Each structure stands twice: as C-alpha cells, then as structure tokens.
Amino acid sequence: MNITIHASFLPHNDAEASLAFYRDLLGFEVRNDVGYNGMRWITVGPRDQPGTSIVLFPPAASLGVTDEEKRTIAEMMAKGTYAIMLLATPNLDAAFERIQAGGAEIVEEPTNQPYGVRDCAFRDPAGNLIRVQQRN
C-alpha cells in the first residue's frame, strides 16, 4: 500500500492574516484561494513539496457543527488549544529568528526536549499551535 499525506486542515479566522503568515513569513506558496458565501479557503504548501498542502479553512463552514460547537471552537482557537501543526526545518535557529522577527506569538524558544528532539513553538494568527522541529 502506498499512502501519502496530501493535505491537512487548519482553521483560520482572518484569511488575510493567515495568508500573510503562511505565504510571507513561512515562505509557503499559495496553491489555491477559493471564496464562497463570504468565506475563504486557502491552500498553501512548501514550494519543494507539491504533493503536501495545508488548507486554511473557515471553521464556520464545517458541516454538522452546531452553533454551540462553533462558539466552543472559536473559544478554543482563541486559547490556542484547537489545532496543532508540526513542521520541520534543517536550521531551527534561523527559522525561529525569522518567525520571531515576523511578530509571531512565541510559545517556546528552541529547546532540546526530553523526548529527543529540538524544537520551538509559536501560534499562527488564528491561535493554532505550530511546532517546528530541527530536521537532521
């Protein structure tokens, strides 16, 4: 069996802020940008990995989610406890410096973790927790 990760989804609450973060700060390319009924889905991904994408989506568009659940999701996003993405880079310190200089909310500076990786953490404009590991 040959299965790959094609796309992962992260919620956004401000399409322009998310676009600036993922495109301008992290350097991802925009692969798709679709608006519908006043909402916007933006697909981004690493330039050298055309088969792997992140879809930034409006959580209000989730089917079957009640109004109460939408409020809970918005609260969790505001606290940074709703979604997490793990990225990797060959130069963690340089990536951290760029992300910090770009104004991202820093959660954890580059740290040697007790479970064997070196990583850092920050939040994107929607509050999603983004961790970046040192790739060897």
N, C-alpha and C. Protein backbone atom coordinates (compact mmCIF):
# COMPACT_ATOMS: atom_id res chain seq x y z
N MET A 1 0.84 -1.17 0.00
CA MET A 1 0.00 0.00 0.00
C MET A 1 0.89 1.24 0.00
N ASN A 2 0.53 2.24 -0.79
CA ASN A 2 1.28 3.48 -0.88
C ASN A 2 0.34 4.64 -0.57
N ILE A 3 0.40 5.14 0.65
CA ILE A 3 -0.45 6.24 1.08
C ILE A 3 0.43 7.40 1.49
N THR A 4 0.09 8.60 1.04
CA THR A 4 0.83 9.79 1.42
C THR A 4 -0.11 10.80 2.07
N ILE A 5 0.46 11.79 2.72
CA ILE A 5 -0.34 12.89 3.25
C ILE A 5 -0.48 13.90 2.13
N HIS A 6 -1.70 14.14 1.71
CA HIS A 6 -1.96 15.09 0.63
C HIS A 6 -2.25 16.48 1.19
N ALA A 7 -3.14 16.55 2.16
CA ALA A 7 -3.49 17.84 2.75
C ALA A 7 -3.91 17.66 4.21
N SER A 8 -3.61 18.67 4.98
CA SER A 8 -4.06 18.75 6.35
C SER A 8 -4.79 20.08 6.48
N PHE A 9 -5.71 20.19 7.43
CA PHE A 9 -6.54 21.38 7.55
C PHE A 9 -6.26 22.11 8.86
N LEU A 10 -6.14 23.42 8.78
CA LEU A 10 -6.03 24.28 9.95
C LEU A 10 -7.09 25.37 9.82
N PRO A 11 -7.78 25.68 10.90
CA PRO A 11 -8.79 26.73 10.83
C PRO A 11 -8.15 28.12 10.80
N HIS A 12 -8.85 29.05 10.20
CA HIS A 12 -8.44 30.46 10.25
C HIS A 12 -9.66 31.31 10.57
N ASN A 13 -9.40 32.46 11.17
CA ASN A 13 -10.49 33.41 11.42
C ASN A 13 -10.21 34.76 10.76
N ASP A 14 -9.13 34.84 10.01
CA ASP A 14 -8.77 36.03 9.26
C ASP A 14 -7.93 35.58 8.08
N ALA A 15 -8.55 35.47 6.91
CA ALA A 15 -7.86 34.92 5.74
C ALA A 15 -6.62 35.72 5.37
N GLU A 16 -6.71 37.04 5.42
CA GLU A 16 -5.56 37.87 5.03
C GLU A 16 -4.39 37.70 6.00
N ALA A 17 -4.68 37.66 7.30
CA ALA A 17 -3.62 37.47 8.29
C ALA A 17 -2.97 36.09 8.13
N SER A 18 -3.79 35.07 7.89
CA SER A 18 -3.25 33.72 7.69
C SER A 18 -2.43 33.64 6.42
N LEU A 19 -2.91 34.26 5.36
CA LEU A 19 -2.18 34.28 4.10
C LEU A 19 -0.81 34.95 4.29
N ALA A 20 -0.79 36.10 4.94
CA ALA A 20 0.48 36.79 5.18
C ALA A 20 1.42 35.93 6.02
N PHE A 21 0.89 35.23 6.99
CA PHE A 21 1.71 34.40 7.87
C PHE A 21 2.33 33.23 7.10
N TYR A 22 1.48 32.45 6.45
CA TYR A 22 1.97 31.23 5.80
C TYR A 22 2.74 31.51 4.51
N ARG A 23 2.30 32.50 3.75
CA ARG A 23 2.99 32.83 2.49
C ARG A 23 4.21 33.70 2.75
N ASP A 24 4.00 34.83 3.42
CA ASP A 24 5.07 35.82 3.53
C ASP A 24 6.09 35.48 4.62
N LEU A 25 5.65 34.99 5.74
CA LEU A 25 6.57 34.70 6.83
C LEU A 25 7.20 33.31 6.71
N LEU A 26 6.36 32.28 6.51
CA LEU A 26 6.90 30.92 6.41
C LEU A 26 7.40 30.57 5.01
N GLY A 27 7.01 31.35 4.00
CA GLY A 27 7.51 31.13 2.65
C GLY A 27 6.78 30.07 1.86
N PHE A 28 5.60 29.66 2.31
CA PHE A 28 4.83 28.67 1.56
C PHE A 28 4.23 29.31 0.31
N GLU A 29 4.05 28.50 -0.71
CA GLU A 29 3.38 29.01 -1.91
C GLU A 29 1.88 28.82 -1.77
N VAL A 30 1.13 29.71 -2.40
CA VAL A 30 -0.32 29.61 -2.42
C VAL A 30 -0.70 28.73 -3.60
N ARG A 31 -1.42 27.67 -3.33
CA ARG A 31 -1.80 26.72 -4.37
C ARG A 31 -3.25 26.88 -4.81
N ASN A 32 -4.05 27.43 -3.93
CA ASN A 32 -5.46 27.66 -4.26
C ASN A 32 -6.00 28.69 -3.29
N ASP A 33 -6.93 29.48 -3.76
CA ASP A 33 -7.55 30.51 -2.93
C ASP A 33 -8.98 30.63 -3.41
N VAL A 34 -9.91 30.08 -2.64
CA VAL A 34 -11.29 29.97 -3.09
C VAL A 34 -12.22 30.67 -2.11
N GLY A 35 -13.07 31.52 -2.64
CA GLY A 35 -14.09 32.17 -1.83
C GLY A 35 -15.46 31.61 -2.17
N TYR A 36 -16.31 31.50 -1.14
CA TYR A 36 -17.67 31.01 -1.35
C TYR A 36 -18.53 31.47 -0.18
N ASN A 37 -19.64 32.11 -0.49
CA ASN A 37 -20.58 32.58 0.54
C ASN A 37 -19.91 33.42 1.62
N GLY A 38 -19.00 34.29 1.22
CA GLY A 38 -18.34 35.16 2.17
C GLY A 38 -17.25 34.50 2.99
N MET A 39 -16.92 33.25 2.67
CA MET A 39 -15.86 32.52 3.37
C MET A 39 -14.72 32.26 2.40
N ARG A 40 -13.56 31.86 2.94
CA ARG A 40 -12.39 31.69 2.09
C ARG A 40 -11.56 30.50 2.55
N TRP A 41 -11.19 29.66 1.58
CA TRP A 41 -10.30 28.52 1.79
C TRP A 41 -9.02 28.82 1.04
N ILE A 42 -7.88 28.71 1.73
CA ILE A 42 -6.58 28.99 1.11
C ILE A 42 -5.70 27.76 1.28
N THR A 43 -5.20 27.24 0.18
CA THR A 43 -4.32 26.08 0.23
C THR A 43 -2.89 26.55 0.02
N VAL A 44 -2.01 26.21 0.96
CA VAL A 44 -0.60 26.59 0.90
C VAL A 44 0.25 25.35 1.08
N GLY A 45 1.52 25.47 0.75
CA GLY A 45 2.43 24.36 0.98
C GLY A 45 3.85 24.72 0.64
N PRO A 46 4.80 23.90 1.09
CA PRO A 46 6.20 24.14 0.78
C PRO A 46 6.45 24.04 -0.73
N ARG A 47 7.22 24.97 -1.24
CA ARG A 47 7.49 25.02 -2.70
C ARG A 47 8.09 23.72 -3.22
N ASP A 48 8.94 23.08 -2.43
CA ASP A 48 9.62 21.87 -2.89
C ASP A 48 8.86 20.59 -2.58
N GLN A 49 7.62 20.73 -2.09
CA GLN A 49 6.79 19.57 -1.77
C GLN A 49 5.39 19.77 -2.36
N PRO A 50 5.27 19.69 -3.68
CA PRO A 50 3.98 19.99 -4.32
C PRO A 50 2.86 19.02 -3.95
N GLY A 51 3.17 17.88 -3.42
CA GLY A 51 2.14 16.91 -3.07
C GLY A 51 1.62 17.02 -1.65
N THR A 52 2.14 17.98 -0.87
CA THR A 52 1.71 18.13 0.52
C THR A 52 1.23 19.56 0.74
N SER A 53 0.00 19.69 1.23
CA SER A 53 -0.59 21.02 1.40
C SER A 53 -1.24 21.18 2.76
N ILE A 54 -1.43 22.43 3.14
CA ILE A 54 -2.23 22.82 4.30
C ILE A 54 -3.39 23.63 3.77
N VAL A 55 -4.60 23.25 4.12
CA VAL A 55 -5.78 24.01 3.73
C VAL A 55 -6.21 24.83 4.93
N LEU A 56 -6.14 26.14 4.78
CA LEU A 56 -6.60 27.07 5.81
C LEU A 56 -8.08 27.29 5.55
N PHE A 57 -8.92 26.92 6.49
CA PHE A 57 -10.36 26.90 6.24
C PHE A 57 -11.12 27.68 7.30
N PRO A 58 -12.29 28.19 6.94
CA PRO A 58 -13.13 28.87 7.92
C PRO A 58 -13.90 27.82 8.73
N PRO A 59 -13.70 27.74 10.03
CA PRO A 59 -14.37 26.70 10.81
C PRO A 59 -15.89 26.80 10.77
N ALA A 60 -16.41 27.97 10.47
CA ALA A 60 -17.87 28.12 10.37
C ALA A 60 -18.45 27.29 9.23
N ALA A 61 -17.61 26.86 8.30
CA ALA A 61 -18.08 26.09 7.16
C ALA A 61 -18.17 24.59 7.44
N SER A 62 -17.76 24.16 8.61
CA SER A 62 -17.77 22.74 8.94
C SER A 62 -19.21 22.23 9.01
N LEU A 63 -19.51 21.21 8.23
CA LEU A 63 -20.85 20.63 8.19
C LEU A 63 -21.18 19.91 9.48
N GLY A 64 -22.41 20.03 9.90
CA GLY A 64 -22.87 19.29 11.06
C GLY A 64 -22.46 19.87 12.40
N VAL A 65 -21.80 21.01 12.39
CA VAL A 65 -21.37 21.63 13.64
C VAL A 65 -22.45 22.60 14.10
N THR A 66 -22.90 22.42 15.32
CA THR A 66 -23.96 23.28 15.86
C THR A 66 -23.41 24.67 16.19
N ASP A 67 -24.29 25.61 16.41
CA ASP A 67 -23.87 26.96 16.79
C ASP A 67 -23.09 26.94 18.11
N GLU A 68 -23.53 26.12 19.05
CA GLU A 68 -22.81 26.00 20.32
C GLU A 68 -21.40 25.44 20.09
N GLU A 69 -21.30 24.44 19.24
CA GLU A 69 -19.98 23.88 18.94
C GLU A 69 -19.10 24.90 18.23
N LYS A 70 -19.68 25.71 17.35
CA LYS A 70 -18.91 26.76 16.68
C LYS A 70 -18.36 27.76 17.69
N ARG A 71 -19.17 28.10 18.70
CA ARG A 71 -18.69 29.00 19.76
C ARG A 71 -17.55 28.35 20.54
N THR A 72 -17.67 27.06 20.82
CA THR A 72 -16.61 26.35 21.53
C THR A 72 -15.34 26.32 20.70
N ILE A 73 -15.47 26.06 19.42
CA ILE A 73 -14.30 26.07 18.53
C ILE A 73 -13.63 27.43 18.54
N ALA A 74 -14.42 28.50 18.43
CA ALA A 74 -13.86 29.86 18.44
C ALA A 74 -13.13 30.14 19.76
N GLU A 75 -13.69 29.68 20.87
CA GLU A 75 -13.04 29.86 22.17
C GLU A 75 -11.73 29.08 22.24
N MET A 76 -11.74 27.85 21.74
CA MET A 76 -10.53 27.04 21.75
C MET A 76 -9.46 27.63 20.84
N MET A 77 -9.87 28.14 19.68
CA MET A 77 -8.90 28.79 18.79
C MET A 77 -8.27 29.99 19.49
N ALA A 78 -9.08 30.79 20.18
CA ALA A 78 -8.57 31.97 20.87
C ALA A 78 -7.55 31.60 21.95
N LYS A 79 -7.74 30.43 22.58
CA LYS A 79 -6.80 29.96 23.60
C LYS A 79 -5.63 29.20 23.00
N GLY A 80 -5.71 28.87 21.71
CA GLY A 80 -4.64 28.10 21.09
C GLY A 80 -4.69 26.63 21.40
N THR A 81 -5.87 26.10 21.70
CA THR A 81 -5.99 24.69 22.06
C THR A 81 -6.79 23.87 21.06
N TYR A 82 -7.10 24.42 19.90
CA TYR A 82 -7.95 23.71 18.95
C TYR A 82 -7.16 22.89 17.93
N ALA A 83 -6.13 23.47 17.33
CA ALA A 83 -5.40 22.76 16.27
C ALA A 83 -3.90 22.91 16.45
N ILE A 84 -3.18 21.89 16.00
CA ILE A 84 -1.72 21.86 16.09
C ILE A 84 -1.15 21.38 14.76
N MET A 85 -0.02 21.95 14.37
CA MET A 85 0.69 21.51 13.16
C MET A 85 2.16 21.35 13.56
N LEU A 86 2.78 20.29 13.09
CA LEU A 86 4.20 20.05 13.34
C LEU A 86 4.94 20.19 12.02
N LEU A 87 5.88 21.12 11.97
CA LEU A 87 6.71 21.35 10.78
C LEU A 87 8.14 20.97 11.12
N ALA A 88 9.01 20.93 10.11
CA ALA A 88 10.42 20.59 10.33
C ALA A 88 11.28 21.45 9.43
N THR A 89 12.51 21.70 9.88
CA THR A 89 13.46 22.51 9.12
C THR A 89 14.88 22.03 9.41
N PRO A 90 15.79 22.18 8.45
CA PRO A 90 17.17 21.81 8.73
C PRO A 90 17.91 22.84 9.58
N ASN A 91 17.35 24.05 9.74
CA ASN A 91 18.01 25.09 10.54
C ASN A 91 16.98 25.75 11.46
N LEU A 92 16.78 25.15 12.60
CA LEU A 92 15.76 25.61 13.55
C LEU A 92 16.04 27.02 14.04
N ASP A 93 17.29 27.32 14.35
CA ASP A 93 17.60 28.63 14.90
C ASP A 93 17.30 29.75 13.89
N ALA A 94 17.67 29.55 12.64
CA ALA A 94 17.38 30.56 11.62
C ALA A 94 15.88 30.72 11.41
N ALA A 95 15.16 29.60 11.39
CA ALA A 95 13.71 29.66 11.23
C ALA A 95 13.08 30.39 12.41
N PHE A 96 13.52 30.08 13.61
CA PHE A 96 12.97 30.74 14.79
C PHE A 96 13.21 32.24 14.75
N GLU A 97 14.41 32.64 14.40
CA GLU A 97 14.73 34.07 14.33
C GLU A 97 13.81 34.79 13.34
N ARG A 98 13.59 34.18 12.19
CA ARG A 98 12.72 34.80 11.18
C ARG A 98 11.27 34.88 11.68
N ILE A 99 10.79 33.80 12.29
CA ILE A 99 9.42 33.75 12.79
C ILE A 99 9.24 34.77 13.92
N GLN A 100 10.21 34.84 14.81
CA GLN A 100 10.13 35.81 15.92
C GLN A 100 10.17 37.24 15.38
N ALA A 101 11.06 37.52 14.43
CA ALA A 101 11.16 38.85 13.84
C ALA A 101 9.88 39.22 13.08
N GLY A 102 9.15 38.22 12.60
CA GLY A 102 7.91 38.45 11.88
C GLY A 102 6.73 38.74 12.80
N GLY A 103 6.96 38.71 14.11
CA GLY A 103 5.92 39.09 15.05
C GLY A 103 5.02 37.98 15.53
N ALA A 104 5.37 36.73 15.25
CA ALA A 104 4.53 35.62 15.72
C ALA A 104 4.56 35.55 17.24
N GLU A 105 3.45 35.08 17.81
CA GLU A 105 3.40 34.86 19.26
C GLU A 105 4.23 33.63 19.58
N ILE A 106 5.32 33.84 20.30
CA ILE A 106 6.23 32.75 20.65
C ILE A 106 5.70 32.03 21.88
N VAL A 107 5.63 30.70 21.79
CA VAL A 107 5.19 29.87 22.91
C VAL A 107 6.40 29.25 23.59
N GLU A 108 7.38 28.81 22.78
CA GLU A 108 8.58 28.19 23.34
C GLU A 108 9.75 28.43 22.39
N GLU A 109 10.84 28.95 22.94
CA GLU A 109 12.06 29.15 22.15
C GLU A 109 12.68 27.79 21.85
N PRO A 110 13.63 27.74 20.90
CA PRO A 110 14.27 26.45 20.59
C PRO A 110 14.79 25.76 21.86
N THR A 111 14.36 24.52 22.01
CA THR A 111 14.62 23.76 23.24
C THR A 111 14.94 22.31 22.89
N ASN A 112 15.91 21.75 23.60
CA ASN A 112 16.17 20.31 23.50
C ASN A 112 15.15 19.62 24.40
N GLN A 113 14.23 18.91 23.78
CA GLN A 113 13.16 18.26 24.52
C GLN A 113 13.64 16.94 25.13
N PRO A 114 13.07 16.53 26.26
CA PRO A 114 13.48 15.27 26.90
C PRO A 114 13.15 14.03 26.06
N TYR A 115 12.28 14.20 25.07
CA TYR A 115 11.92 13.05 24.22
C TYR A 115 12.76 12.99 22.95
N GLY A 116 13.88 13.74 22.92
CA GLY A 116 14.88 13.53 21.88
C GLY A 116 14.84 14.44 20.68
N VAL A 117 14.00 15.45 20.64
CA VAL A 117 14.00 16.38 19.51
C VAL A 117 14.31 17.78 20.01
N ARG A 118 14.77 18.61 19.11
CA ARG A 118 14.95 20.03 19.39
C ARG A 118 13.89 20.76 18.59
N ASP A 119 13.10 21.58 19.28
CA ASP A 119 12.03 22.28 18.58
C ASP A 119 11.69 23.60 19.25
N CYS A 120 10.78 24.33 18.62
CA CYS A 120 10.24 25.56 19.18
C CYS A 120 8.75 25.58 18.88
N ALA A 121 8.04 26.52 19.47
CA ALA A 121 6.60 26.60 19.24
C ALA A 121 6.15 28.05 19.20
N PHE A 122 5.14 28.30 18.37
CA PHE A 122 4.54 29.63 18.24
C PHE A 122 3.11 29.44 17.79
N ARG A 123 2.37 30.54 17.74
CA ARG A 123 0.98 30.50 17.29
C ARG A 123 0.85 31.26 15.98
N ASP A 124 -0.03 30.75 15.12
CA ASP A 124 -0.34 31.48 13.89
C ASP A 124 -1.41 32.52 14.22
N PRO A 125 -1.82 33.35 13.27
CA PRO A 125 -2.78 34.41 13.58
C PRO A 125 -4.12 33.91 14.13
N ALA A 126 -4.50 32.67 13.84
CA ALA A 126 -5.76 32.12 14.35
C ALA A 126 -5.60 31.49 15.72
N GLY A 127 -4.39 31.41 16.22
CA GLY A 127 -4.14 30.79 17.52
C GLY A 127 -3.68 29.35 17.44
N ASN A 128 -3.61 28.78 16.23
CA ASN A 128 -3.16 27.41 16.08
C ASN A 128 -1.73 27.27 16.58
N LEU A 129 -1.46 26.21 17.32
CA LEU A 129 -0.11 25.95 17.80
C LEU A 129 0.72 25.33 16.68
N ILE A 130 1.84 25.95 16.37
CA ILE A 130 2.74 25.45 15.34
C ILE A 130 4.06 25.13 16.02
N ARG A 131 4.48 23.89 15.91
CA ARG A 131 5.79 23.48 16.44
C ARG A 131 6.69 23.24 15.22
N VAL A 132 7.95 23.60 15.37
CA VAL A 132 8.94 23.36 14.32
C VAL A 132 10.08 22.57 14.93
N GLN A 133 10.36 21.41 14.35
CA GLN A 133 11.45 20.55 14.83
C GLN A 133 12.68 20.75 13.97
N GLN A 134 13.84 20.55 14.60
CA GLN A 134 15.10 20.50 13.87
C GLN A 134 15.13 19.19 13.10
N ARG A 135 15.29 19.27 11.79
CA ARG A 135 15.39 18.07 10.97
C ARG A 135 16.85 17.76 10.74
N ASN A 136 17.24 16.54 11.01
CA ASN A 136 18.66 16.15 10.84
C ASN A 136 18.94 15.66 9.45
